[in-house]
Amino acid sequence: MKVGLDLIEIARIRRTLERYPSFRERVFTQAERDYCDSRPNPPQHYAARFAGKEAVGKALGFGVARAFAWLDVEISGRPKPGVRLTGRVADWARRNEAGELDLSMTHSRELAAAVCVVRDVDVD
């Protein structure tokens, strides 16, 4: 089993959304943008999904550095979020025999956090 954890200040995401309009399109899928923008406090939901993507990258061992493909990790659903991997991140997960991903996200007024657990593939 592998675990990834991330914590981010919602104000930081709010400022980034305001300063860099392309941030939404670079980091979040259309479905994620539609969901976050439909909520009363969009930055809070963007921050939770951002933390979720970082936690997934860390748990997979893919990391979140320059090579991370933000759009290859899509977080959907509520109250229990699901994770859909595509592209380079999905290929990485297959090559590294990652099992099922379990993601939990939360937020307060100031912080958003996420933890991802990647189960080991059962080898019989």
N, C-alpha and C. Protein backbone atom coordinates (compact mmCIF):
# COMPACT_ATOMS: atom_id res chain seq x y z
N MET A 1 0.85 -1.16 0.00
CA MET A 1 0.00 0.00 0.00
C MET A 1 0.90 1.24 0.00
N LYS A 2 0.44 2.25 -0.74
CA LYS A 2 1.15 3.52 -0.78
C LYS A 2 0.17 4.64 -0.45
N VAL A 3 0.68 5.71 0.17
CA VAL A 3 -0.17 6.81 0.59
C VAL A 3 0.40 8.13 0.09
N GLY A 4 -0.49 9.01 -0.35
CA GLY A 4 -0.11 10.37 -0.72
C GLY A 4 -1.00 11.34 0.03
N LEU A 5 -0.44 12.45 0.48
CA LEU A 5 -1.17 13.43 1.27
C LEU A 5 -0.83 14.82 0.76
N ASP A 6 -1.83 15.70 0.73
CA ASP A 6 -1.55 17.08 0.35
C ASP A 6 -2.47 18.03 1.12
N LEU A 7 -1.95 19.20 1.41
CA LEU A 7 -2.67 20.25 2.13
C LEU A 7 -2.36 21.56 1.42
N ILE A 8 -3.41 22.36 1.15
CA ILE A 8 -3.18 23.62 0.45
C ILE A 8 -4.09 24.71 1.03
N GLU A 9 -3.59 25.92 1.00
CA GLU A 9 -4.39 27.07 1.44
C GLU A 9 -5.36 27.47 0.33
N ILE A 10 -6.62 27.58 0.68
CA ILE A 10 -7.65 27.94 -0.30
C ILE A 10 -7.36 29.34 -0.88
N ALA A 11 -6.86 30.24 -0.06
CA ALA A 11 -6.55 31.60 -0.54
C ALA A 11 -5.50 31.57 -1.66
N ARG A 12 -4.58 30.64 -1.57
CA ARG A 12 -3.55 30.51 -2.62
C ARG A 12 -4.18 30.11 -3.95
N ILE A 13 -5.11 29.17 -3.91
CA ILE A 13 -5.80 28.77 -5.14
C ILE A 13 -6.69 29.91 -5.63
N ARG A 14 -7.35 30.61 -4.73
CA ARG A 14 -8.19 31.75 -5.12
C ARG A 14 -7.35 32.80 -5.86
N ARG A 15 -6.18 33.13 -5.32
CA ARG A 15 -5.30 34.11 -5.98
C ARG A 15 -4.83 33.61 -7.34
N THR A 16 -4.49 32.33 -7.41
CA THR A 16 -4.03 31.76 -8.67
C THR A 16 -5.14 31.80 -9.72
N LEU A 17 -6.35 31.47 -9.33
CA LEU A 17 -7.49 31.53 -10.26
C LEU A 17 -7.71 32.95 -10.77
N GLU A 18 -7.53 33.94 -9.90
CA GLU A 18 -7.72 35.33 -10.29
C GLU A 18 -6.59 35.85 -11.18
N ARG A 19 -5.35 35.48 -10.87
CA ARG A 19 -4.19 36.01 -11.60
C ARG A 19 -3.93 35.32 -12.93
N TYR A 20 -4.24 34.02 -12.99
CA TYR A 20 -3.90 33.22 -14.17
C TYR A 20 -5.14 32.50 -14.70
N PRO A 21 -5.89 33.15 -15.58
CA PRO A 21 -7.12 32.54 -16.10
C PRO A 21 -6.91 31.17 -16.74
N SER A 22 -5.74 30.92 -17.31
CA SER A 22 -5.49 29.64 -17.97
C SER A 22 -5.26 28.49 -16.98
N PHE A 23 -5.08 28.83 -15.70
CA PHE A 23 -4.85 27.81 -14.67
C PHE A 23 -5.97 26.78 -14.67
N ARG A 24 -7.21 27.22 -14.76
CA ARG A 24 -8.36 26.30 -14.76
C ARG A 24 -8.23 25.25 -15.85
N GLU A 25 -7.93 25.71 -17.06
CA GLU A 25 -7.87 24.80 -18.21
C GLU A 25 -6.63 23.91 -18.19
N ARG A 26 -5.54 24.38 -17.62
CA ARG A 26 -4.31 23.59 -17.56
C ARG A 26 -4.36 22.48 -16.52
N VAL A 27 -5.14 22.70 -15.45
CA VAL A 27 -5.09 21.79 -14.31
C VAL A 27 -6.36 20.97 -14.15
N PHE A 28 -7.50 21.49 -14.56
CA PHE A 28 -8.78 20.83 -14.29
C PHE A 28 -9.51 20.46 -15.57
N THR A 29 -10.09 19.27 -15.59
CA THR A 29 -10.87 18.84 -16.75
C THR A 29 -12.16 19.65 -16.83
N GLN A 30 -12.83 19.57 -17.96
CA GLN A 30 -14.09 20.30 -18.12
C GLN A 30 -15.11 19.88 -17.07
N ALA A 31 -15.20 18.59 -16.79
CA ALA A 31 -16.14 18.11 -15.77
C ALA A 31 -15.80 18.68 -14.39
N GLU A 32 -14.52 18.74 -14.06
CA GLU A 32 -14.12 19.32 -12.78
C GLU A 32 -14.45 20.80 -12.71
N ARG A 33 -14.20 21.52 -13.80
CA ARG A 33 -14.51 22.96 -13.84
C ARG A 33 -16.02 23.18 -13.71
N ASP A 34 -16.79 22.36 -14.42
CA ASP A 34 -18.26 22.50 -14.34
C ASP A 34 -18.73 22.31 -12.90
N TYR A 35 -18.19 21.30 -12.23
CA TYR A 35 -18.60 21.04 -10.84
C TYR A 35 -18.18 22.20 -9.93
N CYS A 36 -16.91 22.56 -9.96
CA CYS A 36 -16.41 23.60 -9.05
C CYS A 36 -17.13 24.93 -9.27
N ASP A 37 -17.34 25.29 -10.54
CA ASP A 37 -17.98 26.56 -10.85
C ASP A 37 -19.46 26.58 -10.47
N SER A 38 -20.06 25.41 -10.27
CA SER A 38 -21.47 25.35 -9.88
C SER A 38 -21.66 25.50 -8.38
N ARG A 39 -20.60 25.47 -7.62
CA ARG A 39 -20.67 25.52 -6.16
C ARG A 39 -20.66 26.98 -5.67
N PRO A 40 -21.20 27.23 -4.47
CA PRO A 40 -21.24 28.61 -3.95
C PRO A 40 -19.86 29.24 -3.75
N ASN A 41 -18.83 28.44 -3.44
CA ASN A 41 -17.48 28.95 -3.21
C ASN A 41 -16.50 28.16 -4.08
N PRO A 42 -16.44 28.46 -5.39
CA PRO A 42 -15.61 27.67 -6.29
C PRO A 42 -14.16 27.46 -5.86
N PRO A 43 -13.44 28.49 -5.36
CA PRO A 43 -12.04 28.25 -4.99
C PRO A 43 -11.87 27.14 -3.95
N GLN A 44 -12.81 27.00 -3.04
CA GLN A 44 -12.74 25.95 -2.04
C GLN A 44 -12.75 24.57 -2.70
N HIS A 45 -13.55 24.39 -3.72
CA HIS A 45 -13.67 23.11 -4.41
C HIS A 45 -12.51 22.88 -5.37
N TYR A 46 -12.04 23.95 -6.01
CA TYR A 46 -10.84 23.83 -6.84
C TYR A 46 -9.66 23.41 -5.96
N ALA A 47 -9.55 24.01 -4.78
CA ALA A 47 -8.43 23.69 -3.88
C ALA A 47 -8.49 22.23 -3.45
N ALA A 48 -9.67 21.73 -3.11
CA ALA A 48 -9.78 20.33 -2.70
C ALA A 48 -9.38 19.40 -3.85
N ARG A 49 -9.80 19.72 -5.07
CA ARG A 49 -9.44 18.88 -6.21
C ARG A 49 -7.95 19.00 -6.54
N PHE A 50 -7.39 20.18 -6.37
CA PHE A 50 -5.96 20.34 -6.58
C PHE A 50 -5.18 19.48 -5.58
N ALA A 51 -5.58 19.54 -4.32
CA ALA A 51 -4.94 18.71 -3.30
C ALA A 51 -5.13 17.23 -3.62
N GLY A 52 -6.31 16.88 -4.12
CA GLY A 52 -6.57 15.50 -4.51
C GLY A 52 -5.64 15.02 -5.61
N LYS A 53 -5.44 15.85 -6.63
CA LYS A 53 -4.54 15.47 -7.72
C LYS A 53 -3.11 15.31 -7.22
N GLU A 54 -2.69 16.22 -6.35
CA GLU A 54 -1.34 16.11 -5.78
C GLU A 54 -1.21 14.84 -4.95
N ALA A 55 -2.20 14.53 -4.14
CA ALA A 55 -2.16 13.32 -3.31
C ALA A 55 -2.10 12.07 -4.19
N VAL A 56 -2.85 12.04 -5.28
CA VAL A 56 -2.82 10.90 -6.20
C VAL A 56 -1.42 10.76 -6.81
N GLY A 57 -0.86 11.86 -7.30
CA GLY A 57 0.48 11.80 -7.89
C GLY A 57 1.53 11.30 -6.91
N LYS A 58 1.44 11.75 -5.67
CA LYS A 58 2.38 11.30 -4.65
C LYS A 58 2.20 9.83 -4.32
N ALA A 59 0.95 9.39 -4.17
CA ALA A 59 0.69 7.99 -3.83
C ALA A 59 1.14 7.05 -4.94
N LEU A 60 1.01 7.47 -6.18
CA LEU A 60 1.43 6.64 -7.31
C LEU A 60 2.94 6.65 -7.50
N GLY A 61 3.61 7.61 -6.88
CA GLY A 61 5.05 7.73 -7.10
C GLY A 61 5.38 8.47 -8.38
N PHE A 62 4.37 9.01 -9.03
CA PHE A 62 4.57 9.78 -10.26
C PHE A 62 5.08 11.16 -9.91
N GLY A 63 4.69 11.63 -8.73
CA GLY A 63 5.11 12.95 -8.29
C GLY A 63 4.25 14.03 -8.89
N VAL A 64 4.57 15.25 -8.57
CA VAL A 64 3.80 16.38 -9.08
C VAL A 64 4.73 17.46 -9.65
N ALA A 65 5.90 17.04 -10.07
CA ALA A 65 6.86 17.98 -10.63
C ALA A 65 6.46 18.34 -12.06
N ARG A 66 7.37 18.85 -12.79
CA ARG A 66 7.14 19.35 -14.14
C ARG A 66 6.46 18.34 -15.07
N ALA A 67 6.76 17.07 -14.93
CA ALA A 67 6.21 16.06 -15.84
C ALA A 67 4.78 15.65 -15.51
N PHE A 68 4.26 16.09 -14.38
CA PHE A 68 2.92 15.68 -13.96
C PHE A 68 1.89 16.17 -14.97
N ALA A 69 1.00 15.31 -15.35
CA ALA A 69 -0.05 15.64 -16.32
C ALA A 69 -1.36 15.88 -15.56
N TRP A 70 -1.61 17.11 -15.21
CA TRP A 70 -2.76 17.45 -14.37
C TRP A 70 -4.07 16.93 -14.93
N LEU A 71 -4.25 17.05 -16.23
CA LEU A 71 -5.52 16.65 -16.83
C LEU A 71 -5.68 15.14 -16.93
N ASP A 72 -4.61 14.39 -16.66
CA ASP A 72 -4.68 12.93 -16.69
C ASP A 72 -5.22 12.35 -15.39
N VAL A 73 -5.50 13.20 -14.43
CA VAL A 73 -6.12 12.78 -13.16
C VAL A 73 -7.41 13.58 -13.03
N GLU A 74 -8.53 12.89 -13.10
CA GLU A 74 -9.83 13.56 -12.96
C GLU A 74 -10.51 13.06 -11.69
N ILE A 75 -10.98 14.01 -10.90
CA ILE A 75 -11.65 13.69 -9.64
C ILE A 75 -13.12 14.01 -9.81
N SER A 76 -13.96 13.02 -9.54
CA SER A 76 -15.39 13.21 -9.73
C SER A 76 -16.16 12.63 -8.56
N GLY A 77 -17.41 12.99 -8.51
CA GLY A 77 -18.31 12.41 -7.53
C GLY A 77 -18.27 13.10 -6.19
N ARG A 78 -19.36 12.92 -5.48
CA ARG A 78 -19.46 13.35 -4.11
C ARG A 78 -20.62 12.64 -3.49
N PRO A 79 -20.66 12.35 -2.24
CA PRO A 79 -19.67 12.82 -1.29
C PRO A 79 -18.37 12.03 -1.36
N LYS A 80 -18.38 10.83 -1.94
CA LYS A 80 -17.16 10.03 -2.05
C LYS A 80 -16.53 10.28 -3.41
N PRO A 81 -15.35 10.92 -3.44
CA PRO A 81 -14.73 11.21 -4.73
C PRO A 81 -14.14 9.96 -5.39
N GLY A 82 -14.28 9.91 -6.69
CA GLY A 82 -13.65 8.86 -7.48
C GLY A 82 -12.49 9.47 -8.26
N VAL A 83 -11.59 8.62 -8.72
CA VAL A 83 -10.43 9.07 -9.49
C VAL A 83 -10.39 8.32 -10.81
N ARG A 84 -10.26 9.07 -11.90
CA ARG A 84 -10.10 8.46 -13.22
C ARG A 84 -8.76 8.89 -13.77
N LEU A 85 -7.93 7.90 -14.13
CA LEU A 85 -6.61 8.17 -14.69
C LEU A 85 -6.64 7.95 -16.20
N THR A 86 -5.96 8.82 -16.93
CA THR A 86 -5.80 8.67 -18.37
C THR A 86 -4.36 9.02 -18.74
N GLY A 87 -4.02 8.85 -20.00
CA GLY A 87 -2.74 9.30 -20.52
C GLY A 87 -1.52 8.78 -19.79
N ARG A 88 -0.55 9.68 -19.60
CA ARG A 88 0.73 9.30 -18.99
C ARG A 88 0.59 8.77 -17.58
N VAL A 89 -0.33 9.34 -16.81
CA VAL A 89 -0.49 8.89 -15.43
C VAL A 89 -1.08 7.48 -15.40
N ALA A 90 -2.04 7.21 -16.27
CA ALA A 90 -2.61 5.85 -16.35
C ALA A 90 -1.54 4.85 -16.79
N ASP A 91 -0.73 5.23 -17.76
CA ASP A 91 0.37 4.35 -18.21
C ASP A 91 1.33 4.08 -17.07
N TRP A 92 1.69 5.11 -16.32
CA TRP A 92 2.59 4.96 -15.17
C TRP A 92 1.98 3.99 -14.15
N ALA A 93 0.71 4.17 -13.86
CA ALA A 93 0.04 3.31 -12.87
C ALA A 93 0.06 1.85 -13.32
N ARG A 94 -0.18 1.60 -14.60
CA ARG A 94 -0.14 0.22 -15.13
C ARG A 94 1.27 -0.35 -15.05
N ARG A 95 2.26 0.41 -15.50
CA ARG A 95 3.65 -0.07 -15.47
C ARG A 95 4.12 -0.37 -14.06
N ASN A 96 3.62 0.38 -13.10
CA ASN A 96 4.04 0.20 -11.71
C ASN A 96 3.06 -0.66 -10.90
N GLU A 97 2.16 -1.29 -11.62
CA GLU A 97 1.20 -2.24 -11.03
C GLU A 97 0.45 -1.66 -9.84
N ALA A 98 -0.03 -0.43 -10.02
CA ALA A 98 -0.84 0.20 -8.97
C ALA A 98 -2.21 -0.45 -8.94
N GLY A 99 -2.69 -0.71 -7.76
CA GLY A 99 -4.02 -1.26 -7.58
C GLY A 99 -5.06 -0.14 -7.50
N GLU A 100 -6.15 -0.44 -6.85
CA GLU A 100 -7.26 0.49 -6.71
C GLU A 100 -6.82 1.73 -5.92
N LEU A 101 -7.35 2.89 -6.34
CA LEU A 101 -7.08 4.15 -5.65
C LEU A 101 -8.28 4.52 -4.79
N ASP A 102 -8.00 4.97 -3.59
CA ASP A 102 -9.04 5.44 -2.70
C ASP A 102 -8.66 6.86 -2.29
N LEU A 103 -9.55 7.82 -2.52
CA LEU A 103 -9.25 9.23 -2.27
C LEU A 103 -10.26 9.81 -1.29
N SER A 104 -9.77 10.61 -0.36
CA SER A 104 -10.63 11.35 0.55
C SER A 104 -10.17 12.80 0.54
N MET A 105 -11.13 13.72 0.48
CA MET A 105 -10.82 15.14 0.47
C MET A 105 -11.65 15.84 1.54
N THR A 106 -11.13 16.96 2.04
CA THR A 106 -11.86 17.76 3.01
C THR A 106 -11.41 19.21 2.89
N HIS A 107 -12.21 20.11 3.44
CA HIS A 107 -11.79 21.51 3.48
C HIS A 107 -12.45 22.21 4.65
N SER A 108 -11.76 23.25 5.09
CA SER A 108 -12.29 24.16 6.10
C SER A 108 -12.42 25.51 5.40
N ARG A 109 -12.55 26.57 6.14
CA ARG A 109 -12.59 27.88 5.50
C ARG A 109 -11.26 28.27 4.89
N GLU A 110 -10.16 27.82 5.48
CA GLU A 110 -8.83 28.23 5.02
C GLU A 110 -8.03 27.18 4.29
N LEU A 111 -8.29 25.91 4.57
CA LEU A 111 -7.44 24.84 4.04
C LEU A 111 -8.25 23.76 3.32
N ALA A 112 -7.62 23.15 2.35
CA ALA A 112 -8.16 21.96 1.69
C ALA A 112 -7.10 20.87 1.80
N ALA A 113 -7.55 19.65 2.02
CA ALA A 113 -6.62 18.53 2.18
C ALA A 113 -7.15 17.31 1.46
N ALA A 114 -6.24 16.43 1.11
CA ALA A 114 -6.62 15.18 0.47
C ALA A 114 -5.61 14.11 0.84
N VAL A 115 -6.11 12.89 0.93
CA VAL A 115 -5.24 11.73 1.14
C VAL A 115 -5.67 10.66 0.13
N CYS A 116 -4.68 10.04 -0.49
CA CYS A 116 -4.93 8.98 -1.46
C CYS A 116 -4.18 7.73 -1.02
N VAL A 117 -4.87 6.62 -1.07
CA VAL A 117 -4.27 5.32 -0.79
C VAL A 117 -4.31 4.51 -2.07
N VAL A 118 -3.17 3.96 -2.45
CA VAL A 118 -3.10 3.06 -3.60
C VAL A 118 -2.87 1.67 -3.05
N ARG A 119 -3.82 0.81 -3.31
CA ARG A 119 -3.69 -0.57 -2.84
C ARG A 119 -2.72 -1.33 -3.73
N ASP A 120 -2.04 -2.28 -3.15
CA ASP A 120 -1.16 -3.15 -3.93
C ASP A 120 -2.02 -4.07 -4.80
N VAL A 121 -1.52 -4.39 -5.97
CA VAL A 121 -2.20 -5.33 -6.84
C VAL A 121 -2.10 -6.71 -6.20
N ASP A 122 -3.21 -7.41 -6.12
CA ASP A 122 -3.20 -8.77 -5.58
C ASP A 122 -2.52 -9.70 -6.57
N VAL A 123 -1.50 -10.37 -6.11
CA VAL A 123 -0.77 -11.32 -6.94
C VAL A 123 -1.05 -12.70 -6.38
N ASP A 124 -1.72 -13.53 -7.17
CA ASP A 124 -2.03 -14.90 -6.71
C ASP A 124 -1.01 -15.88 -7.19
